């Protein structure tokens, strides 16, 4: 993954590539979050989840 860190006004980390389309998270006071976007794959999302969860 390619990672980029923004330090101002608060630290935020952005990442692209690898097994995801994009990823970011922030630890600014009172505003913690993590977001991600996966790549599209063919198939039924519910069935894929069932298979992944056993």
PDB file of N, CA and C in Angstrom:
ATOM      1  N   UNK A   1       0.837  -1.174   0.000  1.00  0.00           N
ATOM      2  CA  UNK A   1       0.000   0.000   0.000  1.00  0.00           C
ATOM      3  C   UNK A   1       0.885   1.241   0.000  1.00  0.00           C
ATOM      4  N   UNK A   2       0.387   2.267  -0.670  1.00  0.00           N
ATOM      5  CA  UNK A   2       1.029   3.573  -0.597  1.00  0.00           C
ATOM      6  C   UNK A   2       0.337   4.349   0.520  1.00  0.00           C
ATOM      7  N   UNK A   3       1.129   4.895   1.430  1.00  0.00           N
ATOM      8  CA  UNK A   3       0.581   5.561   2.609  1.00  0.00           C
ATOM      9  C   UNK A   3       1.015   7.017   2.622  1.00  0.00           C
ATOM     10  N   UNK A   4       0.058   7.889   2.990  1.00  0.00           N
ATOM     11  CA  UNK A   4       0.347   9.323   3.106  1.00  0.00           C
ATOM     12  C   UNK A   4      -0.191   9.800   4.441  1.00  0.00           C
ATOM     13  N   UNK A   5       0.603  10.575   5.187  1.00  0.00           N
ATOM     14  CA  UNK A   5       0.204  11.097   6.492  1.00  0.00           C
ATOM     15  C   UNK A   5       0.065  12.612   6.397  1.00  0.00           C
ATOM     16  N   UNK A   6      -1.078  13.123   6.852  1.00  0.00           N
ATOM     17  CA  UNK A   6      -1.308  14.566   6.937  1.00  0.00           C
ATOM     18  C   UNK A   6      -1.233  14.928   8.420  1.00  0.00           C
ATOM     19  N   UNK A   7      -0.448  15.939   8.763  1.00  0.00           N
ATOM     20  CA  UNK A   7      -0.222  16.272  10.170  1.00  0.00           C
ATOM     21  C   UNK A   7      -1.030  17.458  10.665  1.00  0.00           C
ATOM     22  N   UNK A   8      -1.595  18.257   9.777  1.00  0.00           N
ATOM     23  CA  UNK A   8      -2.266  19.476  10.222  1.00  0.00           C
ATOM     24  C   UNK A   8      -3.609  19.616   9.525  1.00  0.00           C
ATOM     25  N   UNK A   9      -4.665  19.959  10.171  1.00  0.00           N
ATOM     26  CA  UNK A   9      -4.736  20.389  11.571  1.00  0.00           C
ATOM     27  C   UNK A   9      -4.711  19.236  12.569  1.00  0.00           C
ATOM     28  N   UNK A  10      -4.922  17.996  12.122  1.00  0.00           N
ATOM     29  CA  UNK A  10      -4.763  16.818  12.982  1.00  0.00           C
ATOM     30  C   UNK A  10      -4.199  15.694  12.127  1.00  0.00           C
ATOM     31  N   UNK A  11      -3.669  14.676  12.774  1.00  0.00           N
ATOM     32  CA  UNK A  11      -3.086  13.559  12.039  1.00  0.00           C
ATOM     33  C   UNK A  11      -4.170  12.730  11.356  1.00  0.00           C
ATOM     34  N   UNK A  12      -3.984  12.497  10.064  1.00  0.00           N
ATOM     35  CA  UNK A  12      -4.857  11.624   9.285  1.00  0.00           C
ATOM     36  C   UNK A  12      -3.954  10.785   8.396  1.00  0.00           C
ATOM     37  N   UNK A  13      -4.247   9.484   8.299  1.00  0.00           N
ATOM     38  CA  UNK A  13      -3.472   8.574   7.470  1.00  0.00           C
ATOM     39  C   UNK A  13      -4.349   8.108   6.312  1.00  0.00           C
ATOM     40  N   UNK A  14      -3.821   8.216   5.096  1.00  0.00           N
ATOM     41  CA  UNK A  14      -4.521   7.754   3.895  1.00  0.00           C
ATOM     42  C   UNK A  14      -3.675   6.658   3.254  1.00  0.00           C
ATOM     43  N   UNK A  15      -4.335   5.635   2.710  1.00  0.00           N
ATOM     44  CA  UNK A  15      -3.609   4.558   2.042  1.00  0.00           C
ATOM     45  C   UNK A  15      -4.370   4.140   0.786  1.00  0.00           C
ATOM     46  N   UNK A  16      -3.636   3.774  -0.262  1.00  0.00           N
ATOM     47  CA  UNK A  16      -4.240   3.261  -1.488  1.00  0.00           C
ATOM     48  C   UNK A  16      -3.424   2.076  -1.968  1.00  0.00           C
ATOM     49  N   UNK A  17      -4.046   1.272  -2.822  1.00  0.00           N
ATOM     50  CA  UNK A  17      -3.360   0.106  -3.356  1.00  0.00           C
ATOM     51  C   UNK A  17      -3.528  -1.096  -2.454  1.00  0.00           C
ATOM     52  N   UNK A  18      -2.832  -2.150  -2.783  1.00  0.00           N
ATOM     53  CA  UNK A  18      -2.947  -3.376  -2.001  1.00  0.00           C
ATOM     54  C   UNK A  18      -4.317  -4.002  -2.181  1.00  0.00           C
ATOM     55  N   UNK A  19      -4.819  -4.688  -1.154  1.00  0.00           N
ATOM     56  CA  UNK A  19      -6.089  -5.402  -1.281  1.00  0.00           C
ATOM     57  C   UNK A  19      -7.330  -4.512  -1.176  1.00  0.00           C
ATOM     58  N   UNK A  20      -7.151  -3.202  -0.992  1.00  0.00           N
ATOM     59  CA  UNK A  20      -8.294  -2.293  -0.891  1.00  0.00           C
ATOM     60  C   UNK A  20      -8.139  -1.149  -1.880  1.00  0.00           C
ATOM     61  N   UNK A  21      -9.250  -0.509  -2.195  1.00  0.00           N
ATOM     62  CA  UNK A  21      -9.224   0.662  -3.070  1.00  0.00           C
ATOM     63  C   UNK A  21      -8.669   1.864  -2.319  1.00  0.00           C
ATOM     64  N   UNK A  22      -9.080   2.031  -1.066  1.00  0.00           N
ATOM     65  CA  UNK A  22      -8.598   3.148  -0.268  1.00  0.00           C
ATOM     66  C   UNK A  22      -8.895   2.917   1.202  1.00  0.00           C
ATOM     67  N   UNK A  23      -8.130   3.580   2.081  1.00  0.00           N
ATOM     68  CA  UNK A  23      -8.284   3.436   3.516  1.00  0.00           C
ATOM     69  C   UNK A  23      -7.823   4.730   4.162  1.00  0.00           C
ATOM     70  N   UNK A  24      -8.548   5.177   5.184  1.00  0.00           N
ATOM     71  CA  UNK A  24      -8.094   6.343   5.937  1.00  0.00           C
ATOM     72  C   UNK A  24      -8.556   6.214   7.376  1.00  0.00           C
ATOM     73  N   UNK A  25      -7.795   6.831   8.276  1.00  0.00           N
ATOM     74  CA  UNK A  25      -8.241   6.917   9.656  1.00  0.00           C
ATOM     75  C   UNK A  25      -7.690   8.172  10.286  1.00  0.00           C
ATOM     76  N   UNK A  26      -8.375   8.624  11.336  1.00  0.00           N
ATOM     77  CA  UNK A  26      -7.981   9.849  12.024  1.00  0.00           C
ATOM     78  C   UNK A  26      -8.125   9.635  13.520  1.00  0.00           C
ATOM     79  N   UNK A  27      -7.267  10.278  14.283  1.00  0.00           N
ATOM     80  CA  UNK A  27      -7.350  10.198  15.740  1.00  0.00           C
ATOM     81  C   UNK A  27      -7.462  11.590  16.345  1.00  0.00           C
ATOM     82  N   UNK A  28      -8.112  12.500  15.633  1.00  0.00           N
ATOM     83  CA  UNK A  28      -8.232  13.845  16.186  1.00  0.00           C
ATOM     84  C   UNK A  28      -9.136  13.800  17.423  1.00  0.00           C
ATOM     85  N   UNK A  29      -8.897  14.650  18.401  1.00  0.00           N
ATOM     86  CA  UNK A  29      -9.658  14.605  19.654  1.00  0.00           C
ATOM     87  C   UNK A  29     -11.175  14.679  19.408  1.00  0.00           C
ATOM     88  N   UNK A  30     -11.894  13.698  19.930  1.00  0.00           N
ATOM     89  CA  UNK A  30     -13.340  13.678  19.821  1.00  0.00           C
ATOM     90  C   UNK A  30     -13.864  13.279  18.455  1.00  0.00           C
ATOM     91  N   UNK A  31     -12.988  12.910  17.525  1.00  0.00           N
ATOM     92  CA  UNK A  31     -13.431  12.594  16.169  1.00  0.00           C
ATOM     93  C   UNK A  31     -12.621  11.429  15.606  1.00  0.00           C
ATOM     94  N   UNK A  32     -12.703  10.275  16.250  1.00  0.00           N
ATOM     95  CA  UNK A  32     -11.975   9.098  15.779  1.00  0.00           C
ATOM     96  C   UNK A  32     -12.776   8.419  14.676  1.00  0.00           C
ATOM     97  N   UNK A  33     -12.116   8.032  13.605  1.00  0.00           N
ATOM     98  CA  UNK A  33     -12.826   7.295  12.564  1.00  0.00           C
ATOM     99  C   UNK A  33     -11.863   6.473  11.722  1.00  0.00           C
ATOM    100  N   UNK A  34     -12.422   5.453  11.085  1.00  0.00           N
ATOM    101  CA  UNK A  34     -11.697   4.670  10.097  1.00  0.00           C
ATOM    102  C   UNK A  34     -12.675   4.369   8.968  1.00  0.00           C
ATOM    103  N   UNK A  35     -12.223   4.547   7.740  1.00  0.00           N
ATOM    104  CA  UNK A  35     -13.060   4.278   6.582  1.00  0.00           C
ATOM    105  C   UNK A  35     -12.258   3.469   5.577  1.00  0.00           C
ATOM    106  N   UNK A  36     -12.948   2.691   4.777  1.00  0.00           N
ATOM    107  CA  UNK A  36     -12.271   1.898   3.764  1.00  0.00           C
ATOM    108  C   UNK A  36     -13.202   1.604   2.609  1.00  0.00           C
ATOM    109  N   UNK A  37     -12.618   1.373   1.455  1.00  0.00           N
ATOM    110  CA  UNK A  37     -13.357   1.020   0.247  1.00  0.00           C
ATOM    111  C   UNK A  37     -12.690  -0.191  -0.374  1.00  0.00           C
ATOM    112  N   UNK A  38     -13.478  -1.234  -0.600  1.00  0.00           N
ATOM    113  CA  UNK A  38     -12.905  -2.432  -1.201  1.00  0.00           C
ATOM    114  C   UNK A  38     -13.087  -2.401  -2.708  1.00  0.00           C
ATOM    115  N   UNK A  39     -12.344  -3.253  -3.374  1.00  0.00           N
ATOM    116  CA  UNK A  39     -12.497  -3.403  -4.812  1.00  0.00           C
ATOM    117  C   UNK A  39     -13.749  -4.226  -5.101  1.00  0.00           C
ATOM    118  N   UNK A  40     -14.383  -3.980  -6.211  1.00  0.00           N
ATOM    119  CA  UNK A  40     -15.574  -4.733  -6.601  1.00  0.00           C
ATOM    120  C   UNK A  40     -15.176  -6.117  -7.099  1.00  0.00           C
ATOM    121  N   UNK A  41     -15.987  -7.103  -6.736  1.00  0.00           N
ATOM    122  CA  UNK A  41     -15.791  -8.469  -7.221  1.00  0.00           C
ATOM    123  C   UNK A  41     -17.139  -9.015  -7.661  1.00  0.00           C
ATOM    124  N   UNK A  42     -17.163  -9.894  -8.642  1.00  0.00           N
ATOM    125  CA  UNK A  42     -18.438 -10.460  -9.070  1.00  0.00           C
ATOM    126  C   UNK A  42     -18.978 -11.421  -8.012  1.00  0.00           C
ATOM    127  N   UNK A  43     -20.292 -11.492  -7.904  1.00  0.00           N
ATOM    128  CA  UNK A  43     -20.900 -12.445  -6.981  1.00  0.00           C
ATOM    129  C   UNK A  43     -21.943 -11.793  -6.104  1.00  0.00           C
ATOM    130  N   UNK A  44     -22.543 -12.612  -5.267  1.00  0.00           N
ATOM    131  CA  UNK A  44     -23.592 -12.194  -4.342  1.00  0.00           C
ATOM    132  C   UNK A  44     -22.938 -11.877  -2.996  1.00  0.00           C
ATOM    133  N   UNK A  45     -23.018 -10.647  -2.564  1.00  0.00           N
ATOM    134  CA  UNK A  45     -22.335 -10.210  -1.328  1.00  0.00           C
ATOM    135  C   UNK A  45     -22.781 -11.022  -0.128  1.00  0.00           C
ATOM    136  N   UNK A  46     -24.080 -11.325  -0.003  1.00  0.00           N
ATOM    137  CA  UNK A  46     -24.561 -12.114   1.128  1.00  0.00           C
ATOM    138  C   UNK A  46     -23.962 -13.517   1.137  1.00  0.00           C
ATOM    139  N   UNK A  47     -23.901 -14.148  -0.032  1.00  0.00           N
ATOM    140  CA  UNK A  47     -23.326 -15.496  -0.120  1.00  0.00           C
ATOM    141  C   UNK A  47     -21.833 -15.492   0.182  1.00  0.00           C
ATOM    142  N   UNK A  48     -21.133 -14.480  -0.289  1.00  0.00           N
ATOM    143  CA  UNK A  48     -19.693 -14.378  -0.006  1.00  0.00           C
ATOM    144  C   UNK A  48     -19.465 -14.218   1.496  1.00  0.00           C
ATOM    145  N   UNK A  49     -20.282 -13.375   2.180  1.00  0.00           N
ATOM    146  CA  UNK A  49     -20.164 -13.207   3.624  1.00  0.00           C
ATOM    147  C   UNK A  49     -20.412 -14.529   4.353  1.00  0.00           C
ATOM    148  N   UNK A  50     -21.450 -15.253   3.932  1.00  0.00           N
ATOM    149  CA  UNK A  50     -21.763 -16.553   4.563  1.00  0.00           C
ATOM    150  C   UNK A  50     -20.584 -17.512   4.423  1.00  0.00           C
ATOM    151  N   UNK A  51     -19.956 -17.553   3.241  1.00  0.00           N
ATOM    152  CA  UNK A  51     -18.819 -18.433   3.024  1.00  0.00           C
ATOM    153  C   UNK A  51     -17.618 -18.015   3.877  1.00  0.00           C
ATOM    154  N   UNK A  52     -17.392 -16.697   3.975  1.00  0.00           N
ATOM    155  CA  UNK A  52     -16.282 -16.196   4.774  1.00  0.00           C
ATOM    156  C   UNK A  52     -16.474 -16.485   6.260  1.00  0.00           C
ATOM    157  N   UNK A  53     -17.728 -16.457   6.716  1.00  0.00           N
ATOM    158  CA  UNK A  53     -18.025 -16.652   8.141  1.00  0.00           C
ATOM    159  C   UNK A  53     -18.238 -18.119   8.509  1.00  0.00           C
ATOM    160  N   UNK A  54     -18.123 -19.023   7.535  1.00  0.00           N
ATOM    161  CA  UNK A  54     -18.229 -20.455   7.795  1.00  0.00           C
ATOM    162  C   UNK A  54     -19.644 -20.870   7.945  1.00  0.00           C
TER     163      UNK A  54
END
